[in-house]
Amino acid sequence: MKNQTPQNPKNSVVIFSEKQIRRTWHNQEWWFVIYDVVAALTDSLDPSGYIKDMRRRDEELSKGWGQIATPLPVATAGGLQKINCSNTEGIFRIIQSIPSPKAEPFKKWLAMVGYERIKEIENPELAQERMKSLYEQKGYPKDWIDKRLRGIAIRQNLTDEWQERGIHSEKDYAILTAEISRATFGMTPNEYKKFKNIPAKSKANLRDNMTDLELIFTMLGEKVTTEISKQEKPDNFSKNKKVAKRGGAVAGNARKATEKELKRSVISKENYLSLSSGKSLKIDGGDDE
């Protein structure tokens, strides 16, 4: 189990008391965004200020802050940014300095979240069931959920393949993803969000706002890219970029052929739920880039 990593760990979000807490997988364990934890426990309008005051009040905490807080890449509205995070042990230490009635419930929640994650690593099907349940709660129909979950698996296979080819930088992942998207839809993910009128500061995941056909062609572009890469084994970034463009082009050509038959564009300005039920969804994190 030690060498396994959870599916799509980069942009994971969990909920405590209706508050979103971002976390990232680092050194084989979850690290939580300190800002989010403080915001959830204190309901402070200025969590950053609260953290500064907390460190002033607790000298021991301040002295050990370098070991407790570690800047790690976390998904934000502006892309991946390094934000102070702490593992479970560090979060428990921070909780000691926060006089909040939510402290004890949070400790139990934190232990539960960690336990569930261990179970999911041992049995990946549990993670899929959890995600399926979340999408169902948001109102998505079963056929859309099946496509979305399949798309996540295909995306994970692609990122695994990129790692095999020596691609590790989040920036490089974003560039390669943009190449596939541009060849498939004529837009990068960021341009696609603008096209769909998803606010720049929103944490909404582009793929959670795609229609069935948009998801299908996204999957096709990434799957073909994976297969070409496995066959040709590109050994540098430039070659990987060309493969990404070719994989996306296959999906792009299929999209154009489909549009010709349907006599309408596959690309939609609306998000999926607004098309099907008048609702709007903004689920954090995921695999836009």
C-alpha atoms as a PDB file:
ATOM      1  CA  MET A   1       0.000   0.000   0.000  1.00  0.00           C
ATOM      2  CA  LYS A   2       2.918   2.331   0.668  1.00  0.00           C
ATOM      3  CA  ASN A   3       3.708   3.016  -2.976  1.00  0.00           C
ATOM      4  CA  GLN A   4       0.139   3.602  -4.055  1.00  0.00           C
ATOM      5  CA  THR A   5      -1.356   7.055  -4.421  1.00  0.00           C
ATOM      6  CA  PRO A   6      -5.035   7.950  -4.449  1.00  0.00           C
ATOM      7  CA  GLN A   7      -6.768   8.670  -7.729  1.00  0.00           C
ATOM      8  CA  ASN A   8      -6.478  12.282  -8.791  1.00  0.00           C
ATOM      9  CA  PRO A   9      -4.848  13.533  -5.559  1.00  0.00           C
ATOM     10  CA  LYS A  10      -3.908  16.976  -6.851  1.00  0.00           C
ATOM     11  CA  ASN A  11      -7.150  18.856  -6.348  1.00  0.00           C
ATOM     12  CA  SER A  12      -9.050  16.975  -3.616  1.00  0.00           C
ATOM     13  CA  VAL A  13     -11.650  18.730  -1.481  1.00  0.00           C
ATOM     14  CA  VAL A  14     -13.483  17.410   1.590  1.00  0.00           C
ATOM     15  CA  ILE A  15     -16.375  18.926   3.523  1.00  0.00           C
ATOM     16  CA  PHE A  16     -16.600  19.632   7.252  1.00  0.00           C
ATOM     17  CA  SER A  17     -19.692  21.346   8.620  1.00  0.00           C
ATOM     18  CA  GLU A  18     -20.572  22.621   5.122  1.00  0.00           C
ATOM     19  CA  LYS A  19     -17.102  24.169   4.772  1.00  0.00           C
ATOM     20  CA  GLN A  20     -14.727  23.106   2.003  1.00  0.00           C
ATOM     21  CA  ILE A  21     -11.253  22.029   3.069  1.00  0.00           C
ATOM     22  CA  ARG A  22      -8.664  21.483   0.382  1.00  0.00           C
ATOM     23  CA  ARG A  23      -6.067  18.776   0.774  1.00  0.00           C
ATOM     24  CA  THR A  24      -3.202  17.322  -1.253  1.00  0.00           C
ATOM     25  CA  TRP A  25      -1.402  13.981  -1.231  1.00  0.00           C
ATOM     26  CA  HIS A  26       2.210  14.403  -0.089  1.00  0.00           C
ATOM     27  CA  ASN A  27       4.718  11.902   1.313  1.00  0.00           C
ATOM     28  CA  GLN A  28       2.092   9.142   1.305  1.00  0.00           C
ATOM     29  CA  GLU A  29      -0.412  11.052   3.470  1.00  0.00           C
ATOM     30  CA  TRP A  30      -3.009  13.810   3.250  1.00  0.00           C
ATOM     31  CA  TRP A  31      -1.952  17.398   3.972  1.00  0.00           C
ATOM     32  CA  PHE A  32      -4.720  19.909   4.642  1.00  0.00           C
ATOM     33  CA  VAL A  33      -4.752  23.630   3.798  1.00  0.00           C
ATOM     34  CA  ILE A  34      -4.286  25.401   7.134  1.00  0.00           C
ATOM     35  CA  TYR A  35      -6.244  28.459   5.995  1.00  0.00           C
ATOM     36  CA  ASP A  36      -9.285  26.270   5.242  1.00  0.00           C
ATOM     37  CA  VAL A  37      -9.075  24.441   8.569  1.00  0.00           C
ATOM     38  CA  VAL A  38      -8.932  27.696  10.525  1.00  0.00           C
ATOM     39  CA  ALA A  39     -11.823  29.117   8.505  1.00  0.00           C
ATOM     40  CA  ALA A  40     -13.929  26.021   9.216  1.00  0.00           C
ATOM     41  CA  LEU A  41     -13.201  26.018  12.949  1.00  0.00           C
ATOM     42  CA  THR A  42     -13.509  29.733  13.639  1.00  0.00           C
ATOM     43  CA  ASP A  43     -15.884  31.124  10.986  1.00  0.00           C
ATOM     44  CA  SER A  44     -13.407  34.021  10.851  1.00  0.00           C
ATOM     45  CA  LEU A  45     -13.809  36.544   8.056  1.00  0.00           C
ATOM     46  CA  ASP A  46     -10.013  36.849   8.029  1.00  0.00           C
ATOM     47  CA  PRO A  47      -8.450  33.395   8.561  1.00  0.00           C
ATOM     48  CA  SER A  48      -4.992  34.716   7.611  1.00  0.00           C
ATOM     49  CA  GLY A  49      -5.219  37.336  10.362  1.00  0.00           C
ATOM     50  CA  TYR A  50      -6.487  34.726  12.805  1.00  0.00           C
ATOM     51  CA  ILE A  51      -3.471  32.527  12.051  1.00  0.00           C
ATOM     52  CA  LYS A  52      -1.095  35.431  12.742  1.00  0.00           C
ATOM     53  CA  ASP A  53      -2.841  36.195  16.048  1.00  0.00           C
ATOM     54  CA  MET A  54      -2.828  32.515  16.957  1.00  0.00           C
ATOM     55  CA  ARG A  55       0.921  32.287  16.447  1.00  0.00           C
ATOM     56  CA  ARG A  56       1.444  35.411  18.537  1.00  0.00           C
ATOM     57  CA  ARG A  57      -0.612  33.916  21.363  1.00  0.00           C
ATOM     58  CA  ASP A  58       1.063  30.512  21.235  1.00  0.00           C
ATOM     59  CA  GLU A  59       4.845  30.891  21.285  1.00  0.00           C
ATOM     60  CA  GLU A  60       5.476  27.144  21.136  1.00  0.00           C
ATOM     61  CA  LEU A  61       3.289  26.838  18.061  1.00  0.00           C
ATOM     62  CA  SER A  62       5.124  29.748  16.450  1.00  0.00           C
ATOM     63  CA  LYS A  63       8.523  28.209  17.187  1.00  0.00           C
ATOM     64  CA  GLY A  64       7.530  24.944  15.542  1.00  0.00           C
ATOM     65  CA  TRP A  65       5.644  26.528  12.649  1.00  0.00           C
ATOM     66  CA  GLY A  66       8.353  25.585  10.151  1.00  0.00           C
ATOM     67  CA  GLN A  67       7.755  21.900  10.913  1.00  0.00           C
ATOM     68  CA  ILE A  68       3.968  22.231  11.057  1.00  0.00           C
ATOM     69  CA  ALA A  69       3.335  24.338   7.931  1.00  0.00           C
ATOM     70  CA  THR A  70       4.678  23.205   4.558  1.00  0.00           C
ATOM     71  CA  PRO A  71       3.985  25.099   1.298  1.00  0.00           C
ATOM     72  CA  LEU A  72       2.503  22.595  -1.153  1.00  0.00           C
ATOM     73  CA  PRO A  73       0.875  23.013  -4.587  1.00  0.00           C
ATOM     74  CA  VAL A  74      -2.898  23.311  -4.229  1.00  0.00           C
ATOM     75  CA  ALA A  75      -5.549  24.082  -6.844  1.00  0.00           C
ATOM     76  CA  THR A  76      -6.900  27.632  -6.676  1.00  0.00           C
ATOM     77  CA  ALA A  77      -9.004  29.777  -8.980  1.00  0.00           C
ATOM     78  CA  GLY A  78      -5.752  31.085 -10.444  1.00  0.00           C
ATOM     79  CA  GLY A  79      -4.293  27.607 -10.963  1.00  0.00           C
ATOM     80  CA  LEU A  80      -1.917  25.609  -8.801  1.00  0.00           C
ATOM     81  CA  GLN A  81      -0.304  27.706  -6.082  1.00  0.00           C
ATOM     82  CA  LYS A  82       1.844  26.828  -3.098  1.00  0.00           C
ATOM     83  CA  ILE A  83      -0.200  27.201   0.095  1.00  0.00           C
ATOM     84  CA  ASN A  84       0.713  26.332   3.685  1.00  0.00           C
ATOM     85  CA  CYS A  85      -0.523  22.831   4.478  1.00  0.00           C
ATOM     86  CA  SER A  86      -0.153  20.502   7.421  1.00  0.00           C
ATOM     87  CA  ASN A  87      -0.536  16.780   7.939  1.00  0.00           C
ATOM     88  CA  THR A  88      -2.935  15.287  10.471  1.00  0.00           C
ATOM     89  CA  GLU A  89      -0.416  15.556  13.313  1.00  0.00           C
ATOM     90  CA  GLY A  90       0.208  19.239  12.583  1.00  0.00           C
ATOM     91  CA  ILE A  91      -3.507  20.002  12.295  1.00  0.00           C
ATOM     92  CA  PHE A  92      -4.101  18.441  15.719  1.00  0.00           C
ATOM     93  CA  ARG A  93      -1.433  20.759  17.137  1.00  0.00           C
ATOM     94  CA  ILE A  94      -3.062  23.787  15.519  1.00  0.00           C
ATOM     95  CA  ILE A  95      -6.448  22.779  16.922  1.00  0.00           C
ATOM     96  CA  GLN A  96      -4.987  23.023  20.431  1.00  0.00           C
ATOM     97  CA  SER A  97      -4.576  26.776  19.876  1.00  0.00           C
ATOM     98  CA  ILE A  98      -8.136  27.332  18.652  1.00  0.00           C
ATOM     99  CA  PRO A  99     -10.819  27.711  21.354  1.00  0.00           C
ATOM    100  CA  SER A 100     -13.704  26.416  19.270  1.00  0.00           C
ATOM    101  CA  PRO A 101     -16.691  24.207  20.099  1.00  0.00           C
ATOM    102  CA  LYS A 102     -16.038  22.563  16.741  1.00  0.00           C
ATOM    103  CA  ALA A 103     -12.598  21.316  17.829  1.00  0.00           C
ATOM    104  CA  GLU A 104     -13.659  17.882  19.092  1.00  0.00           C
ATOM    105  CA  PRO A 105     -16.070  17.154  16.203  1.00  0.00           C
ATOM    106  CA  PHE A 106     -13.307  18.224  13.826  1.00  0.00           C
ATOM    107  CA  LYS A 107     -10.815  15.801  15.408  1.00  0.00           C
ATOM    108  CA  LYS A 108     -13.260  12.929  14.940  1.00  0.00           C
ATOM    109  CA  TRP A 109     -13.961  14.042  11.380  1.00  0.00           C
ATOM    110  CA  LEU A 110     -10.239  14.254  10.624  1.00  0.00           C
ATOM    111  CA  ALA A 111      -9.661  10.732  11.887  1.00  0.00           C
ATOM    112  CA  MET A 112     -12.608   9.458   9.859  1.00  0.00           C
ATOM    113  CA  VAL A 113     -11.416  11.158   6.665  1.00  0.00           C
ATOM    114  CA  GLY A 114      -7.983   9.596   7.056  1.00  0.00           C
ATOM    115  CA  TYR A 115      -9.442   6.149   7.710  1.00  0.00           C
ATOM    116  CA  GLU A 116     -11.744   6.342   4.699  1.00  0.00           C
ATOM    117  CA  ARG A 117      -8.811   7.332   2.517  1.00  0.00           C
ATOM    118  CA  ILE A 118      -6.788   4.330   3.685  1.00  0.00           C
ATOM    119  CA  LYS A 119      -9.706   2.046   2.860  1.00  0.00           C
ATOM    120  CA  GLU A 120     -10.065   3.653  -0.573  1.00  0.00           C
ATOM    121  CA  ILE A 121      -6.381   3.147  -1.382  1.00  0.00           C
ATOM    122  CA  GLU A 122      -6.724  -0.531  -0.471  1.00  0.00           C
ATOM    123  CA  ASN A 123      -9.968  -0.814  -2.453  1.00  0.00           C
ATOM    124  CA  PRO A 124     -10.232   1.830  -5.234  1.00  0.00           C
ATOM    125  CA  GLU A 125     -13.851   0.826  -5.901  1.00  0.00           C
ATOM    126  CA  LEU A 126     -14.820   2.513  -2.624  1.00  0.00           C
ATOM    127  CA  ALA A 127     -13.466   5.826  -3.924  1.00  0.00           C
ATOM    128  CA  GLN A 128     -15.555   5.470  -7.077  1.00  0.00           C
ATOM    129  CA  GLU A 129     -18.666   4.720  -5.050  1.00  0.00           C
ATOM    130  CA  ARG A 130     -18.038   7.804  -2.898  1.00  0.00           C
ATOM    131  CA  MET A 131     -17.640  10.010  -5.968  1.00  0.00           C
ATOM    132  CA  LYS A 132     -20.720   8.495  -7.575  1.00  0.00           C
ATOM    133  CA  SER A 133     -22.727   9.291  -4.462  1.00  0.00           C
ATOM    134  CA  LEU A 134     -21.515  12.915  -4.467  1.00  0.00           C
ATOM    135  CA  TYR A 135     -22.561  13.425  -8.081  1.00  0.00           C
ATOM    136  CA  GLU A 136     -25.948  11.817  -7.410  1.00  0.00           C
ATOM    137  CA  GLN A 137     -26.488  14.231  -4.512  1.00  0.00           C
ATOM    138  CA  LYS A 138     -25.802  17.117  -6.895  1.00  0.00           C
ATOM    139  CA  GLY A 139     -28.527  15.901  -9.246  1.00  0.00           C
ATOM    140  CA  TYR A 140     -26.584  14.289 -12.063  1.00  0.00           C
ATOM    141  CA  PRO A 141     -28.272  11.382 -13.886  1.00  0.00           C
ATOM    142  CA  LYS A 142     -26.671   7.927 -13.825  1.00  0.00           C
ATOM    143  CA  ASP A 143     -25.591   7.857 -17.477  1.00  0.00           C
ATOM    144  CA  TRP A 144     -23.708  11.158 -17.089  1.00  0.00           C
ATOM    145  CA  ILE A 145     -22.055   9.974 -13.861  1.00  0.00           C
ATOM    146  CA  ASP A 146     -20.872   6.775 -15.558  1.00  0.00           C
ATOM    147  CA  LYS A 147     -19.191   8.810 -18.287  1.00  0.00           C
ATOM    148  CA  ARG A 148     -17.642  11.229 -15.795  1.00  0.00           C
ATOM    149  CA  LEU A 149     -16.159   8.450 -13.665  1.00  0.00           C
ATOM    150  CA  ARG A 150     -14.838   6.703 -16.767  1.00  0.00           C
ATOM    151  CA  GLY A 151     -13.302   9.991 -17.841  1.00  0.00           C
ATOM    152  CA  ILE A 152     -11.528  10.313 -14.489  1.00  0.00           C
ATOM    153  CA  ALA A 153     -10.035   6.840 -14.917  1.00  0.00           C
ATOM    154  CA  ILE A 154      -8.868   7.667 -18.440  1.00  0.00           C
ATOM    155  CA  ARG A 155      -7.341  10.910 -17.201  1.00  0.00           C
ATOM    156  CA  GLN A 156      -5.487   9.042 -14.461  1.00  0.00           C
ATOM    157  CA  ASN A 157      -4.113   6.569 -17.001  1.00  0.00           C
ATOM    158  CA  LEU A 158      -2.888   9.486 -19.091  1.00  0.00           C
ATOM    159  CA  THR A 159      -1.115  11.208 -16.199  1.00  0.00           C
ATOM    160  CA  ASP A 160       0.453   7.868 -15.229  1.00  0.00           C
ATOM    161  CA  GLU A 161       1.723   7.512 -18.792  1.00  0.00           C
ATOM    162  CA  TRP A 162       3.125  11.052 -18.732  1.00  0.00           C
ATOM    163  CA  GLN A 163       4.973  10.232 -15.548  1.00  0.00           C
ATOM    164  CA  GLU A 164       6.476   7.200 -17.284  1.00  0.00           C
ATOM    165  CA  ARG A 165       7.704   9.559 -20.008  1.00  0.00           C
ATOM    166  CA  GLY A 166       9.398  11.827 -17.472  1.00  0.00           C
ATOM    167  CA  ILE A 167       6.668  14.471 -17.175  1.00  0.00           C
ATOM    168  CA  HIS A 168       6.231  15.495 -13.532  1.00  0.00           C
ATOM    169  CA  SER A 169       5.683  19.268 -13.440  1.00  0.00           C
ATOM    170  CA  GLU A 170       2.112  20.500 -12.916  1.00  0.00           C
ATOM    171  CA  LYS A 171       2.877  23.244 -15.409  1.00  0.00           C
ATOM    172  CA  ASP A 172       3.846  20.660 -18.031  1.00  0.00           C
ATOM    173  CA  TYR A 173       0.665  18.690 -17.325  1.00  0.00           C
ATOM    174  CA  ALA A 174      -1.338  21.865 -17.914  1.00  0.00           C
ATOM    175  CA  ILE A 175       0.466  22.599 -21.192  1.00  0.00           C
ATOM    176  CA  LEU A 176      -0.064  19.059 -22.519  1.00  0.00           C
ATOM    177  CA  THR A 177      -3.715  19.081 -21.441  1.00  0.00           C
ATOM    178  CA  ALA A 178      -4.181  22.416 -23.192  1.00  0.00           C
ATOM    179  CA  GLU A 179      -2.746  20.908 -26.405  1.00  0.00           C
ATOM    180  CA  ILE A 180      -5.268  18.056 -26.322  1.00  0.00           C
ATOM    181  CA  SER A 181      -8.147  20.407 -25.563  1.00  0.00           C
ATOM    182  CA  ARG A 182      -7.161  22.882 -28.256  1.00  0.00           C
ATOM    183  CA  ALA A 183      -6.934  20.118 -30.870  1.00  0.00           C
ATOM    184  CA  THR A 184     -10.229  18.585 -29.711  1.00  0.00           C
ATOM    185  CA  PHE A 185     -12.380  21.677 -29.189  1.00  0.00           C
ATOM    186  CA  GLY A 186     -10.350  24.574 -30.565  1.00  0.00           C
ATOM    187  CA  MET A 187      -9.934  25.972 -27.031  1.00  0.00           C
ATOM    188  CA  THR A 188      -7.681  25.475 -24.038  1.00  0.00           C
ATOM    189  CA  PRO A 189      -9.417  24.590 -20.734  1.00  0.00           C
ATOM    190  CA  ASN A 190      -9.181  28.209 -19.542  1.00  0.00           C
ATOM    191  CA  GLU A 191     -10.634  29.470 -22.816  1.00  0.00           C
ATOM    192  CA  TYR A 192     -13.345  26.830 -22.573  1.00  0.00           C
ATOM    193  CA  LYS A 193     -14.304  28.064 -19.098  1.00  0.00           C
ATOM    194  CA  LYS A 194     -14.627  31.593 -20.456  1.00  0.00           C
ATOM    195  CA  PHE A 195     -16.734  30.263 -23.321  1.00  0.00           C
ATOM    196  CA  LYS A 196     -19.052  28.589 -20.831  1.00  0.00           C
ATOM    197  CA  ASN A 197     -19.154  31.774 -18.728  1.00  0.00           C
ATOM    198  CA  ILE A 198     -17.608  30.055 -15.713  1.00  0.00           C
ATOM    199  CA  PRO A 199     -16.218  32.922 -13.575  1.00  0.00           C
ATOM    200  CA  ALA A 200     -12.430  33.105 -13.462  1.00  0.00           C
ATOM    201  CA  LYS A 201     -12.479  33.106  -9.643  1.00  0.00           C
ATOM    202  CA  SER A 202     -14.822  30.147  -9.514  1.00  0.00           C
ATOM    203  CA  LYS A 203     -13.475  26.775  -8.373  1.00  0.00           C
ATOM    204  CA  ALA A 204     -15.893  25.010 -10.701  1.00  0.00           C
ATOM    205  CA  ASN A 205     -14.416  22.070 -12.569  1.00  0.00           C
ATOM    206  CA  LEU A 206     -14.810  22.444 -16.317  1.00  0.00           C
ATOM    207  CA  ARG A 207     -15.558  18.764 -16.866  1.00  0.00           C
ATOM    208  CA  ASP A 208     -18.279  18.803 -14.238  1.00  0.00           C
ATOM    209  CA  ASN A 209     -19.965  21.392 -16.454  1.00  0.00           C
ATOM    210  CA  MET A 210     -19.678  19.459 -19.709  1.00  0.00           C
ATOM    211  CA  THR A 211     -22.459  17.735 -21.611  1.00  0.00           C
ATOM    212  CA  ASP A 212     -22.375  14.025 -22.471  1.00  0.00           C
ATOM    213  CA  LEU A 213     -20.835  14.616 -25.889  1.00  0.00           C
ATOM    214  CA  GLU A 214     -18.251  17.047 -24.570  1.00  0.00           C
ATOM    215  CA  LEU A 215     -17.179  14.432 -22.022  1.00  0.00           C
ATOM    216  CA  ILE A 216     -17.031  11.728 -24.677  1.00  0.00           C
ATOM    217  CA  PHE A 217     -14.717  13.709 -26.961  1.00  0.00           C
ATOM    218  CA  THR A 218     -12.580  14.759 -23.996  1.00  0.00           C
ATOM    219  CA  MET A 219     -12.158  11.079 -23.109  1.00  0.00           C
ATOM    220  CA  LEU A 220     -11.394  10.176 -26.727  1.00  0.00           C
ATOM    221  CA  GLY A 221      -8.642  12.780 -27.024  1.00  0.00           C
ATOM    222  CA  GLU A 222      -6.974  11.687 -23.796  1.00  0.00           C
ATOM    223  CA  LYS A 223      -7.333   7.957 -24.487  1.00  0.00           C
ATOM    224  CA  VAL A 224      -5.842   8.237 -27.968  1.00  0.00           C
ATOM    225  CA  THR A 225      -3.002  10.364 -26.592  1.00  0.00           C
ATOM    226  CA  THR A 226      -2.286   7.661 -24.001  1.00  0.00           C
ATOM    227  CA  GLU A 227      -2.251   4.906 -26.617  1.00  0.00           C
ATOM    228  CA  ILE A 228       0.041   6.821 -28.986  1.00  0.00           C
ATOM    229  CA  SER A 229       2.394   7.577 -26.116  1.00  0.00           C
ATOM    230  CA  LYS A 230       2.529   3.929 -25.036  1.00  0.00           C
ATOM    231  CA  GLN A 231       3.317   2.904 -28.589  1.00  0.00           C
ATOM    232  CA  GLU A 232       5.901   5.559 -29.450  1.00  0.00           C
ATOM    233  CA  LYS A 233       7.367   6.237 -25.978  1.00  0.00           C
ATOM    234  CA  PRO A 234       8.259   9.940 -26.465  1.00  0.00           C
ATOM    235  CA  ASP A 235      11.402  10.726 -24.474  1.00  0.00           C
ATOM    236  CA  ASN A 236      11.202  14.497 -24.075  1.00  0.00           C
ATOM    237  CA  PHE A 237       8.629  17.226 -23.494  1.00  0.00           C
ATOM    238  CA  SER A 238       8.586  18.405 -27.108  1.00  0.00           C
ATOM    239  CA  LYS A 239       7.728  14.915 -28.370  1.00  0.00           C
ATOM    240  CA  ASN A 240       5.046  14.499 -25.689  1.00  0.00           C
ATOM    241  CA  LYS A 241       3.535  17.791 -26.787  1.00  0.00           C
ATOM    242  CA  LYS A 242       3.318  16.585 -30.399  1.00  0.00           C
ATOM    243  CA  VAL A 243       1.691  13.341 -29.261  1.00  0.00           C
ATOM    244  CA  ALA A 244      -0.859  15.291 -27.208  1.00  0.00           C
ATOM    245  CA  LYS A 245      -1.710  17.409 -30.231  1.00  0.00           C
ATOM    246  CA  ARG A 246      -2.138  14.306 -32.419  1.00  0.00           C
ATOM    247  CA  GLY A 247      -4.331  12.567 -29.844  1.00  0.00           C
ATOM    248  CA  GLY A 248      -6.507  15.645 -29.545  1.00  0.00           C
ATOM    249  CA  ALA A 249      -6.707  15.952 -33.330  1.00  0.00           C
ATOM    250  CA  VAL A 250      -8.260  12.490 -33.595  1.00  0.00           C
ATOM    251  CA  ALA A 251     -10.990  13.587 -31.183  1.00  0.00           C
ATOM    252  CA  GLY A 252     -11.287  16.927 -32.957  1.00  0.00           C
ATOM    253  CA  ASN A 253     -11.874  15.275 -36.315  1.00  0.00           C
ATOM    254  CA  ALA A 254     -14.450  12.944 -34.766  1.00  0.00           C
ATOM    255  CA  ARG A 255     -16.181  15.939 -33.189  1.00  0.00           C
ATOM    256  CA  LYS A 256     -16.367  17.757 -36.514  1.00  0.00           C
ATOM    257  CA  ALA A 257     -17.754  14.657 -38.232  1.00  0.00           C
ATOM    258  CA  THR A 258     -20.378  14.329 -35.493  1.00  0.00           C
ATOM    259  CA  GLU A 259     -21.355  17.989 -35.814  1.00  0.00           C
ATOM    260  CA  LYS A 260     -21.755  17.534 -39.558  1.00  0.00           C
ATOM    261  CA  GLU A 261     -24.168  14.644 -39.011  1.00  0.00           C
ATOM    262  CA  LEU A 262     -26.074  16.382 -36.219  1.00  0.00           C
ATOM    263  CA  LYS A 263     -26.033  19.739 -37.981  1.00  0.00           C
ATOM    264  CA  ARG A 264     -25.196  21.483 -34.710  1.00  0.00           C
ATOM    265  CA  SER A 265     -22.180  22.207 -32.566  1.00  0.00           C
ATOM    266  CA  VAL A 266     -21.110  19.729 -29.921  1.00  0.00           C
ATOM    267  CA  ILE A 267     -19.556  22.569 -27.927  1.00  0.00           C
ATOM    268  CA  SER A 268     -22.081  24.119 -25.564  1.00  0.00           C
ATOM    269  CA  LYS A 269     -22.034  27.417 -23.671  1.00  0.00           C
ATOM    270  CA  GLU A 270     -24.139  25.890 -20.911  1.00  0.00           C
ATOM    271  CA  ASN A 271     -23.104  23.565 -18.119  1.00  0.00           C
ATOM    272  CA  TYR A 272     -24.706  20.159 -18.048  1.00  0.00           C
ATOM    273  CA  LEU A 273     -27.106  20.682 -15.142  1.00  0.00           C
ATOM    274  CA  SER A 274     -28.384  23.972 -16.467  1.00  0.00           C
ATOM    275  CA  LEU A 275     -29.216  22.187 -19.704  1.00  0.00           C
ATOM    276  CA  SER A 276     -30.996  19.274 -18.045  1.00  0.00           C
ATOM    277  CA  SER A 277     -32.674  20.714 -14.969  1.00  0.00           C
ATOM    278  CA  GLY A 278     -32.046  24.419 -14.689  1.00  0.00           C
ATOM    279  CA  LYS A 279     -29.514  23.902 -11.901  1.00  0.00           C
ATOM    280  CA  SER A 280     -25.883  24.908 -11.771  1.00  0.00           C
ATOM    281  CA  LEU A 281     -22.996  22.941 -10.322  1.00  0.00           C
ATOM    282  CA  LYS A 282     -19.663  24.093  -8.995  1.00  0.00           C
ATOM    283  CA  ILE A 283     -17.643  21.167  -7.718  1.00  0.00           C
ATOM    284  CA  ASP A 284     -14.093  21.994  -6.637  1.00  0.00           C
ATOM    285  CA  GLY A 285     -10.988  20.378  -7.913  1.00  0.00           C
ATOM    286  CA  GLY A 286     -10.554  17.779 -10.638  1.00  0.00           C
ATOM    287  CA  ASP A 287      -8.741  17.494 -13.881  1.00  0.00           C
ATOM    288  CA  ASP A 288      -9.299  20.577 -16.007  1.00  0.00           C
ATOM    289  CA  GLU A 289      -5.593  21.004 -16.452  1.00  0.00           C
END
